[in-house]
């Protein structure tokens, strides 16, 4: 009902669908949708039933509406639907429909979005559950689907959206779970708009709590769009705030305000190349002032891997993604990045023969060598050239950011930004005897001391910088808010600006 429908056409609800098919039956007295659909199939054959359903449901004409698009931005990993159409699949840049029990063992164990279509769809007539016989035989024909659904209802909190819970097969599974678990069952919810007392009672009898929104001006489509958008924003903000970061620099950049640019560079790469990239490409990003981060460096509670990745994509200033061999997880994440419609800088690694989707124009692509472990020199040079160009675009902004935040009375953010600028500048200027990758781990306190010893930093500024480091560490690592005066923040920002200006000259 929330789809974009051709002018002059109308989508049908379940009851309206039954009445529509009943019009084609001679001398038929309509009683309910299931009876009418079953009678149509019996009268004209199952093939004709499938053709008629596709026709009256406008399957080849409807497009996802704003509610569908907003929903597809939420980092849900598994969606279960009884719909026959393809609106959900069209809403995602990449997802995996599940219509066969054999797919369960492989489709729900990665980071991609899976859509479990328990009643099949109009492209798979043998899987379609539409008639009385289909419903009667559902559990017998699909025992693993039933077991899987029961497990989801036991271990997850279900949210029913635009669903009446009238399907007998799902009601039977839901009832068994509720009866067996009793008070130990997880609560289930549904979102309704201007629902009546009778409707609310019907859901509550079935063990489902109704979140009833009272607003006579809202349509369901607009309501869902608002809810999904607000939930996405809340989810994105909270998951990183409550996460634990294995790299201190990453945690510092997460604290940067959303209206400011940060130095985070999110790497979305196949797991088998993670170690290679961390050893060889991360130092390139770091040498130009960026902070590389991967999803495994952020520890969050619960089953939130997709939500975590979505939040990192949303937060990071630049993205590096390896879609070589058409890695499905990375393709999903690339789709998530482009769907957000922001101005992020994206670098994509691909195999020479990879076909790039036509809707991903304007993104920089670098061909990866067939054997990256031996034939990497030219590849590394291209990557470094890209980071060099991007760093030049951001250089002036990052150098002015501490002063900008100070003028906005954002004293905590100004100190964090200033210390970050100091660290990036000093790491590129001091001389040490270790390799670039190894010295990534040298603490900033030690970096500042080395800079003093090499006369890069004046001893008079050392005490001020030490205070700035201590304040910055408290801001980043402590849950206790500390009071920072304008004078203290200004002294630290001025000292950093003086050092950076001196080194630039």
Protein backbone atom coordinates (compact mmCIF):
# COMPACT_ATOMS: atom_id res chain seq x y z
CA UNK A 1 0.00 0.00 0.00
CA UNK A 2 3.03 2.29 0.38
CA UNK A 3 4.30 1.64 -3.14
CA UNK A 4 4.42 4.14 -5.99
CA UNK A 5 1.52 3.11 -8.24
CA UNK A 6 0.88 4.15 -11.85
CA UNK A 7 -1.67 6.92 -12.27
CA UNK A 8 -5.22 5.60 -12.33
CA UNK A 9 -4.23 2.27 -10.73
CA UNK A 10 -4.75 1.10 -7.14
CA UNK A 11 -3.11 -1.51 -4.95
CA UNK A 12 -5.35 -4.14 -3.36
CA UNK A 13 -5.39 -5.30 0.24
CA UNK A 14 -5.88 -9.01 0.93
CA UNK A 15 -9.65 -8.79 1.21
CA UNK A 16 -9.92 -6.57 -1.89
CA UNK A 17 -7.73 -9.04 -3.78
CA UNK A 18 -10.12 -11.85 -2.93
CA UNK A 19 -13.14 -9.85 -4.04
CA UNK A 20 -11.40 -8.94 -7.30
CA UNK A 21 -10.73 -12.60 -8.16
CA UNK A 22 -14.27 -13.52 -7.07
CA UNK A 23 -15.64 -11.27 -9.83
CA UNK A 24 -14.29 -13.72 -12.44
CA UNK A 25 -16.11 -16.73 -10.92
CA UNK A 26 -19.63 -17.52 -12.17
CA UNK A 27 -22.36 -17.60 -9.50
CA UNK A 28 -19.78 -17.14 -6.73
CA UNK A 29 -20.88 -15.85 -3.31
CA UNK A 30 -17.90 -14.12 -1.68
CA UNK A 31 -17.07 -15.16 1.89
CA UNK A 32 -13.35 -14.46 2.37
CA UNK A 33 -10.18 -13.84 0.35
CA UNK A 34 -8.62 -17.26 0.86
CA UNK A 35 -11.76 -19.02 -0.33
CA UNK A 36 -12.03 -16.80 -3.43
CA UNK A 37 -8.36 -17.22 -4.39
CA UNK A 38 -8.60 -21.00 -3.88
CA UNK A 39 -11.79 -21.18 -5.97
CA UNK A 40 -10.17 -19.19 -8.79
CA UNK A 41 -7.20 -21.56 -8.86
CA UNK A 42 -9.49 -24.59 -8.88
CA UNK A 43 -11.68 -23.15 -11.66
CA UNK A 44 -8.97 -21.87 -14.03
CA UNK A 45 -5.74 -23.71 -13.00
CA UNK A 46 -2.80 -22.67 -10.84
CA UNK A 47 -0.94 -21.14 -13.78
CA UNK A 48 -3.87 -18.83 -14.53
CA UNK A 49 -4.05 -17.93 -10.83
CA UNK A 50 -0.39 -16.88 -10.81
CA UNK A 51 -0.88 -14.81 -13.96
CA UNK A 52 -3.96 -13.10 -12.52
CA UNK A 53 -2.26 -12.34 -9.19
CA UNK A 54 0.71 -10.76 -10.98
CA UNK A 55 -1.68 -8.70 -13.09
CA UNK A 56 -3.99 -7.35 -10.37
CA UNK A 57 -1.09 -6.78 -7.95
CA UNK A 58 0.67 -4.64 -10.61
CA UNK A 59 3.92 -6.47 -9.92
CA UNK A 60 5.70 -5.18 -13.03
CA UNK A 61 4.46 -1.60 -12.57
CA UNK A 62 4.80 -0.64 -8.92
CA UNK A 63 7.96 0.92 -7.45
CA UNK A 64 9.20 1.22 -3.84
CA UNK A 65 7.79 4.27 -2.05
CA UNK A 66 9.53 6.54 0.48
CA UNK A 67 8.63 4.20 3.34
CA UNK A 68 10.33 1.27 1.56
CA UNK A 69 13.43 3.36 0.87
CA UNK A 70 13.65 4.55 4.47
CA UNK A 71 13.23 0.99 5.74
CA UNK A 72 16.01 -0.27 3.47
CA UNK A 73 18.47 2.12 5.16
CA UNK A 74 17.95 0.38 8.51
CA UNK A 75 20.65 -2.18 9.33
CA UNK A 76 18.30 -5.13 9.84
CA UNK A 77 20.04 -8.33 8.82
CA UNK A 78 16.95 -10.50 8.39
CA UNK A 79 13.50 -9.54 7.15
CA UNK A 80 10.65 -12.06 6.98
CA UNK A 81 7.73 -11.32 4.66
CA UNK A 82 4.64 -13.06 3.31
CA UNK A 83 4.33 -10.62 0.38
CA UNK A 84 4.45 -11.94 -3.18
CA UNK A 85 5.90 -8.76 -4.72
CA UNK A 86 9.49 -7.52 -5.12
CA UNK A 87 9.34 -4.08 -3.51
CA UNK A 88 11.76 -4.97 -0.73
CA UNK A 89 14.34 -6.41 -3.11
CA UNK A 90 14.10 -3.28 -5.27
CA UNK A 91 14.62 -1.06 -2.21
CA UNK A 92 18.04 -2.53 -1.40
CA UNK A 93 21.20 -2.04 -3.42
CA UNK A 94 21.99 -5.68 -2.64
CA UNK A 95 20.05 -8.34 -0.72
CA UNK A 96 19.49 -12.09 -0.85
CA UNK A 97 15.92 -13.42 -1.15
CA UNK A 98 15.44 -16.80 0.54
CA UNK A 99 12.71 -18.98 -0.96
CA UNK A 100 14.10 -22.46 -0.41
CA UNK A 101 15.04 -24.23 2.82
CA UNK A 102 18.44 -25.16 1.39
CA UNK A 103 19.36 -21.45 1.39
CA UNK A 104 18.99 -21.10 5.15
CA UNK A 105 22.39 -22.55 6.01
CA UNK A 106 24.31 -20.19 3.74
CA UNK A 107 22.24 -17.03 3.34
CA UNK A 108 21.89 -15.88 6.94
CA UNK A 109 25.50 -16.38 8.03
CA UNK A 110 27.18 -13.39 6.38
CA UNK A 111 26.81 -9.62 6.65
CA UNK A 112 24.32 -9.18 3.82
CA UNK A 113 20.60 -8.52 4.17
CA UNK A 114 18.47 -11.62 3.80
CA UNK A 115 14.76 -11.47 2.92
CA UNK A 116 12.97 -14.67 3.89
CA UNK A 117 9.87 -14.92 1.66
CA UNK A 118 8.02 -17.65 3.51
CA UNK A 119 5.05 -17.55 1.11
CA UNK A 120 7.22 -17.43 -2.00
CA UNK A 121 6.80 -14.89 -4.78
CA UNK A 122 5.31 -14.58 -8.24
CA UNK A 123 8.57 -15.63 -9.91
CA UNK A 124 8.48 -19.00 -8.11
CA UNK A 125 4.94 -20.42 -8.58
CA UNK A 126 5.80 -23.71 -6.89
CA UNK A 127 6.74 -21.84 -3.70
CA UNK A 128 3.70 -19.56 -3.65
CA UNK A 129 1.39 -19.93 -0.64
CA UNK A 130 -1.96 -18.49 -1.74
CA UNK A 131 -4.67 -21.18 -1.62
CA UNK A 132 -6.26 -23.25 1.16
CA UNK A 133 -4.18 -26.28 0.14
CA UNK A 134 -0.96 -24.21 0.20
CA UNK A 135 -1.67 -23.05 3.76
CA UNK A 136 -2.75 -26.51 4.94
CA UNK A 137 0.48 -28.08 3.67
CA UNK A 138 2.85 -25.22 4.56
CA UNK A 139 4.36 -26.72 7.73
CA UNK A 140 4.43 -30.22 6.23
CA UNK A 141 6.24 -28.99 3.08
CA UNK A 142 8.46 -26.48 4.84
CA UNK A 143 9.47 -28.00 8.22
CA UNK A 144 12.83 -26.19 8.27
CA UNK A 145 11.20 -22.82 7.57
CA UNK A 146 8.88 -23.49 10.49
CA UNK A 147 11.78 -24.46 12.76
CA UNK A 148 13.82 -21.46 11.66
CA UNK A 149 10.91 -19.07 12.25
CA UNK A 150 10.26 -20.57 15.67
CA UNK A 151 13.94 -20.09 16.57
CA UNK A 152 13.80 -16.44 15.46
CA UNK A 153 10.70 -15.83 17.57
CA UNK A 154 12.41 -17.46 20.56
CA UNK A 155 15.73 -15.61 20.32
CA UNK A 156 14.79 -12.25 18.72
CA UNK A 157 12.29 -9.51 19.42
CA UNK A 158 9.85 -9.48 16.47
CA UNK A 159 8.44 -6.24 15.07
CA UNK A 160 5.46 -6.71 12.77
CA UNK A 161 4.99 -3.93 10.22
CA UNK A 162 1.81 -3.69 8.13
CA UNK A 163 0.91 -7.26 9.02
CA UNK A 164 -2.38 -8.60 10.41
CA UNK A 165 -1.12 -11.94 11.84
CA UNK A 166 -4.08 -13.62 10.12
CA UNK A 167 -2.05 -16.21 8.21
CA UNK A 168 -2.82 -19.58 9.85
CA UNK A 169 0.67 -21.04 9.33
CA UNK A 170 2.52 -18.22 11.09
CA UNK A 171 -0.15 -17.97 13.79
CA UNK A 172 0.32 -21.66 14.55
CA UNK A 173 4.11 -21.27 14.92
CA UNK A 174 3.69 -18.10 16.98
CA UNK A 175 1.13 -19.80 19.23
CA UNK A 176 3.37 -22.81 19.91
CA UNK A 177 6.30 -20.54 20.88
CA UNK A 178 4.11 -18.45 23.20
CA UNK A 179 2.56 -21.51 24.87
CA UNK A 180 5.91 -23.28 25.42
CA UNK A 181 7.76 -20.24 26.75
CA UNK A 182 4.92 -18.65 28.72
CA UNK A 183 6.17 -15.62 30.65
CA UNK A 184 9.71 -16.26 29.36
CA UNK A 185 8.81 -15.39 25.78
CA UNK A 186 10.20 -12.27 24.17
CA UNK A 187 7.72 -9.42 23.71
CA UNK A 188 6.45 -8.85 20.18
CA UNK A 189 5.38 -5.49 18.79
CA UNK A 190 3.46 -3.97 15.91
CA UNK A 191 3.13 -0.36 14.79
CA UNK A 192 -0.40 0.85 14.02
CA UNK A 193 -1.90 4.20 13.04
CA UNK A 194 -5.16 5.37 14.67
CA UNK A 195 -5.98 1.77 15.60
CA UNK A 196 -9.36 1.01 17.19
CA UNK A 197 -9.85 -0.68 20.57
CA UNK A 198 -11.02 -3.84 18.75
CA UNK A 199 -7.86 -3.97 16.59
CA UNK A 200 -5.61 -3.47 19.59
CA UNK A 201 -7.41 -6.23 21.51
CA UNK A 202 -7.02 -8.63 18.56
CA UNK A 203 -3.24 -8.18 18.55
CA UNK A 204 -2.94 -8.36 22.33
CA UNK A 205 -4.91 -11.64 22.39
CA UNK A 206 -2.18 -13.03 20.16
CA UNK A 207 0.59 -11.78 22.43
CA UNK A 208 1.56 -8.70 20.42
CA UNK A 209 1.86 -5.23 21.93
CA UNK A 210 0.50 -2.41 19.77
CA UNK A 211 2.42 0.83 19.42
CA UNK A 212 -0.57 2.96 18.41
CA UNK A 213 0.20 6.35 16.84
CA UNK A 214 -2.68 8.82 17.07
CA UNK A 215 -2.48 11.37 14.27
CA UNK A 216 -5.39 12.03 11.91
CA UNK A 217 -3.15 13.97 9.49
CA UNK A 218 -0.61 11.20 8.86
CA UNK A 219 -0.77 8.49 6.25
CA UNK A 220 0.75 5.07 6.93
CA UNK A 221 3.42 5.71 4.30
CA UNK A 222 4.48 9.01 5.91
CA UNK A 223 4.32 7.50 9.41
CA UNK A 224 6.62 4.61 8.48
CA UNK A 225 9.01 6.92 6.66
CA UNK A 226 9.32 9.13 9.78
CA UNK A 227 9.73 6.18 12.15
CA UNK A 228 12.36 4.43 10.02
CA UNK A 229 14.32 7.65 9.48
CA UNK A 230 14.31 8.46 13.20
CA UNK A 231 15.29 4.90 14.13
CA UNK A 232 18.17 4.95 11.64
CA UNK A 233 19.48 8.21 13.11
CA UNK A 234 19.23 6.92 16.70
CA UNK A 235 20.84 3.58 15.82
CA UNK A 236 23.73 5.19 13.94
CA UNK A 237 24.51 7.60 16.77
CA UNK A 238 24.19 5.25 19.73
CA UNK A 239 26.02 2.16 18.49
CA UNK A 240 29.37 3.96 18.09
CA UNK A 241 28.98 5.89 21.33
CA UNK A 242 28.59 2.68 23.31
CA UNK A 243 31.24 0.71 21.39
CA UNK A 244 34.77 -0.11 22.50
CA UNK A 245 37.58 0.76 20.09
CA UNK A 246 40.83 -1.16 19.84
CA UNK A 247 42.63 1.92 18.44
CA UNK A 248 42.70 5.14 20.47
CA UNK A 249 42.89 7.35 17.38
CA UNK A 250 39.66 5.86 16.03
CA UNK A 251 37.81 6.57 19.25
CA UNK A 252 39.04 10.16 19.20
CA UNK A 253 37.73 10.68 15.65
CA UNK A 254 34.35 9.18 16.54
CA UNK A 255 33.90 12.08 19.00
CA UNK A 256 34.17 14.66 16.21
CA UNK A 257 30.86 16.48 15.80
CA UNK A 258 28.68 15.45 12.86
CA UNK A 259 28.86 18.96 11.38
CA UNK A 260 32.65 18.68 11.23
CA UNK A 261 34.88 16.61 8.99
CA UNK A 262 36.79 13.75 10.62
CA UNK A 263 39.88 11.77 9.59
CA UNK A 264 38.27 8.33 9.66
CA UNK A 265 38.91 6.14 6.63
CA UNK A 266 36.69 3.06 6.68
CA UNK A 267 38.19 0.03 4.92
CA UNK A 268 35.62 -2.49 3.68
CA UNK A 269 37.72 -5.43 2.56
CA UNK A 270 37.50 -9.24 2.30
CA UNK A 271 38.50 -10.92 5.56
CA UNK A 272 41.29 -12.94 3.90
CA UNK A 273 43.06 -9.70 2.85
CA UNK A 274 42.63 -7.89 6.17
CA UNK A 275 46.13 -8.56 7.47
CA UNK A 276 47.74 -7.64 4.12
CA UNK A 277 45.90 -4.33 3.92
CA UNK A 278 46.63 -3.43 7.53
CA UNK A 279 50.33 -4.01 6.96
CA UNK A 280 50.63 -2.29 3.58
CA UNK A 281 47.77 0.12 2.86
CA UNK A 282 46.91 1.44 6.33
CA UNK A 283 50.35 3.11 6.65
CA UNK A 284 49.69 4.93 3.36
CA UNK A 285 46.42 6.34 4.72
CA UNK A 286 48.11 7.26 8.01
CA UNK A 287 51.02 9.00 6.29
CA UNK A 288 48.53 11.46 4.77
CA UNK A 289 46.80 12.16 8.06
CA UNK A 290 43.86 9.75 7.97
CA UNK A 291 42.81 7.17 10.57
CA UNK A 292 42.08 3.76 8.99
CA UNK A 293 39.41 1.68 10.67
CA UNK A 294 37.67 -1.65 10.01
CA UNK A 295 34.54 -3.11 11.56
CA UNK A 296 36.55 -5.61 13.62
CA UNK A 297 38.22 -2.70 15.49
CA UNK A 298 34.89 -1.69 17.06
CA UNK A 299 33.47 -4.01 19.70
CA UNK A 300 29.72 -3.76 20.25
CA UNK A 301 27.27 -5.84 22.25
CA UNK A 302 24.66 -8.04 20.64
CA UNK A 303 24.11 -9.16 17.06
CA UNK A 304 24.79 -5.75 15.52
CA UNK A 305 27.44 -6.31 12.83
CA UNK A 306 25.37 -4.77 10.02
CA UNK A 307 24.32 -1.84 12.21
CA UNK A 308 27.95 -1.27 13.20
CA UNK A 309 29.10 -1.27 9.57
CA UNK A 310 26.29 1.08 8.59
CA UNK A 311 27.25 3.49 11.39
CA UNK A 312 30.93 3.44 10.39
CA UNK A 313 30.04 4.10 6.75
CA UNK A 314 27.87 7.00 7.86
CA UNK A 315 30.55 8.44 10.16
CA UNK A 316 33.76 7.98 8.17
CA UNK A 317 34.88 10.83 5.93
CA UNK A 318 36.38 8.59 3.24
CA UNK A 319 35.76 4.97 2.26
CA UNK A 320 38.01 2.34 0.68
CA UNK A 321 36.18 -0.74 -0.61
CA UNK A 322 37.47 -3.90 -2.26
CA UNK A 323 34.76 -5.41 -4.49
CA UNK A 324 37.16 -7.68 -6.37
CA UNK A 325 35.65 -11.08 -7.12
CA UNK A 326 32.31 -9.35 -6.55
CA UNK A 327 32.50 -9.86 -2.80
CA UNK A 328 28.84 -9.81 -1.74
CA UNK A 329 29.38 -8.27 1.68
CA UNK A 330 31.44 -5.41 0.28
CA UNK A 331 28.96 -4.88 -2.57
CA UNK A 332 26.23 -4.49 0.04
CA UNK A 333 28.34 -1.98 1.97
CA UNK A 334 29.14 -0.04 -1.22
CA UNK A 335 25.42 0.11 -1.92
CA UNK A 336 24.78 1.34 1.62
CA UNK A 337 27.40 4.07 1.16
CA UNK A 338 26.03 5.36 -2.14
CA UNK A 339 22.41 5.11 -0.94
CA UNK A 340 23.12 7.60 1.84
CA UNK A 341 23.50 10.23 -0.84
CA UNK A 342 26.32 12.15 0.84
CA UNK A 343 29.51 13.60 -0.59
CA UNK A 344 31.93 11.01 0.77
CA UNK A 345 35.14 10.28 -1.08
CA UNK A 346 35.03 6.62 -2.14
CA UNK A 347 37.88 4.55 -3.57
CA UNK A 348 36.99 1.14 -4.98
CA UNK A 349 39.39 -1.71 -5.76
CA UNK A 350 38.15 -4.13 -8.42
CA UNK A 351 39.36 -6.92 -10.65
CA UNK A 352 40.03 -5.88 -14.23
CA UNK A 353 37.08 -7.87 -15.55
CA UNK A 354 34.59 -6.76 -12.88
CA UNK A 355 31.43 -5.12 -14.23
CA UNK A 356 30.57 -1.93 -12.35
CA UNK A 357 26.87 -1.17 -11.76
CA UNK A 358 25.72 1.74 -13.93
CA UNK A 359 24.31 3.64 -10.94
CA UNK A 360 27.75 3.89 -9.28
CA UNK A 361 29.24 6.44 -11.64
CA UNK A 362 31.57 9.16 -10.38
CA UNK A 363 33.48 6.82 -8.04
CA UNK A 364 37.23 6.31 -8.43
CA UNK A 365 38.19 2.73 -9.34
CA UNK A 366 41.64 1.14 -9.21
CA UNK A 367 42.23 -2.25 -10.82
CA UNK A 368 43.79 -4.72 -8.41
CA UNK A 369 46.59 -6.96 -9.76
CA UNK A 370 45.79 -10.63 -10.23
CA UNK A 371 48.44 -11.53 -7.64
CA UNK A 372 48.44 -8.70 -5.14
CA UNK A 373 51.06 -10.42 -2.97
CA UNK A 374 53.79 -10.20 -5.63
CA UNK A 375 52.67 -7.65 -8.24
CA UNK A 376 51.77 -4.77 -5.94
CA UNK A 377 54.15 -1.88 -6.69
CA UNK A 378 52.04 -0.14 -9.34
CA UNK A 379 48.88 -0.75 -7.29
CA UNK A 380 50.41 0.83 -4.17
CA UNK A 381 51.55 3.85 -6.20
CA UNK A 382 48.01 4.46 -7.49
CA UNK A 383 46.60 4.18 -3.98
CA UNK A 384 49.19 6.62 -2.62
CA UNK A 385 48.47 9.12 -5.40
CA UNK A 386 44.78 9.01 -4.54
CA UNK A 387 45.42 9.62 -0.83
CA UNK A 388 47.85 12.43 -1.65
CA UNK A 389 45.18 14.21 -3.71
CA UNK A 390 42.49 13.69 -1.07
CA UNK A 391 44.79 14.90 1.73
CA UNK A 392 45.44 18.13 -0.14
CA UNK A 393 41.68 18.72 -0.40
CA UNK A 394 41.29 18.34 3.38
CA UNK A 395 44.58 19.90 4.56
CA UNK A 396 43.41 23.49 4.99
CA UNK A 397 40.16 22.41 6.61
CA UNK A 398 41.87 20.22 9.22
CA UNK A 399 44.42 22.92 10.01
CA UNK A 400 41.65 25.49 10.60
CA UNK A 401 39.28 23.12 12.41
CA UNK A 402 40.59 23.68 16.01
CA UNK A 403 40.20 27.46 15.67
CA UNK A 404 36.76 27.08 14.09
CA UNK A 405 35.55 24.92 16.98
CA UNK A 406 37.08 27.30 19.50
CA UNK A 407 35.16 30.22 17.97
CA UNK A 408 31.97 28.15 18.22
CA UNK A 409 32.65 27.66 21.98
CA UNK A 410 33.13 23.92 21.41
CA UNK A 411 36.10 23.80 23.78
CA UNK A 412 36.26 20.01 24.25
CA UNK A 413 36.00 19.36 20.53
CA UNK A 414 38.56 22.09 19.82
CA UNK A 415 41.15 20.43 22.10
CA UNK A 416 40.54 16.96 20.62
CA UNK A 417 40.86 18.39 17.10
CA UNK A 418 44.02 20.33 17.99
CA UNK A 419 45.76 17.31 19.51
CA UNK A 420 44.79 15.23 16.49
CA UNK A 421 46.28 17.88 14.19
CA UNK A 422 49.42 17.98 16.33
CA UNK A 423 49.81 14.21 16.17
CA UNK A 424 49.42 14.02 12.40
CA UNK A 425 51.88 16.86 11.87
CA UNK A 426 54.55 15.56 14.25
CA UNK A 427 54.37 11.98 12.97
CA UNK A 428 55.17 13.25 9.49
CA UNK A 429 58.13 15.36 10.67
CA UNK A 430 60.06 13.54 13.40
CA UNK A 431 62.89 11.16 12.60
CA UNK A 432 62.87 7.68 14.14
CA UNK A 433 64.67 4.43 13.49
CA UNK A 434 61.58 2.22 13.15
CA UNK A 435 59.45 1.44 10.11
CA UNK A 436 56.35 3.49 9.51
CA UNK A 437 54.00 0.63 10.34
CA UNK A 438 55.70 -0.17 13.64
CA UNK A 439 55.87 3.39 14.82
CA UNK A 440 52.12 3.69 14.48
CA UNK A 441 52.00 2.28 18.01
CA UNK A 442 54.32 4.89 19.57
CA UNK A 443 52.28 6.87 22.17
CA UNK A 444 51.68 10.52 21.45
CA UNK A 445 53.44 11.52 24.68
CA UNK A 446 56.56 9.85 23.32
CA UNK A 447 56.12 11.55 19.94
CA UNK A 448 56.02 14.97 21.65
CA UNK A 449 59.15 14.17 23.70
CA UNK A 450 61.01 13.11 20.54
CA UNK A 451 59.88 16.34 18.86
CA UNK A 452 61.31 18.38 21.77
CA UNK A 453 64.60 16.47 21.63
CA UNK A 454 64.86 17.15 17.89
CA UNK A 455 64.03 20.85 18.43
CA UNK A 456 60.83 20.55 16.44
CA UNK A 457 58.79 21.64 19.47
CA UNK A 458 59.91 24.47 21.75
CA UNK A 459 60.44 23.43 25.38
CA UNK A 460 58.26 26.38 26.42
CA UNK A 461 55.29 24.78 24.63
CA UNK A 462 55.93 21.34 26.11
CA UNK A 463 54.01 21.90 29.37
CA UNK A 464 51.00 23.32 27.53
CA UNK A 465 50.98 20.39 25.13
CA UNK A 466 51.25 17.93 28.02
CA UNK A 467 48.16 19.51 29.59
CA UNK A 468 46.38 19.29 26.25
CA UNK A 469 47.24 15.59 25.92
CA UNK A 470 45.95 14.87 29.43
CA UNK A 471 42.70 16.76 28.81
CA UNK A 472 42.23 15.05 25.44
CA UNK A 473 42.74 11.60 26.99
CA UNK A 474 40.21 12.38 29.71
CA UNK A 475 37.66 13.50 27.10
CA UNK A 476 38.21 10.39 24.96
CA UNK A 477 38.42 7.73 27.66
CA UNK A 478 36.49 9.00 30.69
CA UNK A 479 32.73 8.82 31.11
CA UNK A 480 32.93 11.78 33.49
CA UNK A 481 32.41 15.20 31.91
CA UNK A 482 35.13 17.72 32.69
CA UNK A 483 34.83 21.49 32.68
CA UNK A 484 37.13 23.30 30.27
CA UNK A 485 37.49 27.08 30.23
CA UNK A 486 37.83 29.13 27.08
CA UNK A 487 41.27 30.38 28.17
CA UNK A 488 42.60 26.86 28.70
CA UNK A 489 41.28 25.65 25.34
CA UNK A 490 42.62 28.75 23.57
CA UNK A 491 46.10 28.29 25.06
CA UNK A 492 46.27 24.69 23.78
CA UNK A 493 44.87 25.53 20.33
CA UNK A 494 47.25 28.49 19.95
CA UNK A 495 50.26 26.34 20.88
CA UNK A 496 49.33 23.69 18.33
CA UNK A 497 48.66 26.27 15.61
CA UNK A 498 52.07 27.85 16.30
CA UNK A 499 53.86 24.49 15.92
CA UNK A 500 51.95 23.50 12.77
CA UNK A 501 52.59 26.89 11.17
CA UNK A 502 56.28 26.68 12.01
CA UNK A 503 56.61 23.18 10.52
CA UNK A 504 54.66 24.20 7.39
CA UNK A 505 57.13 27.04 6.84
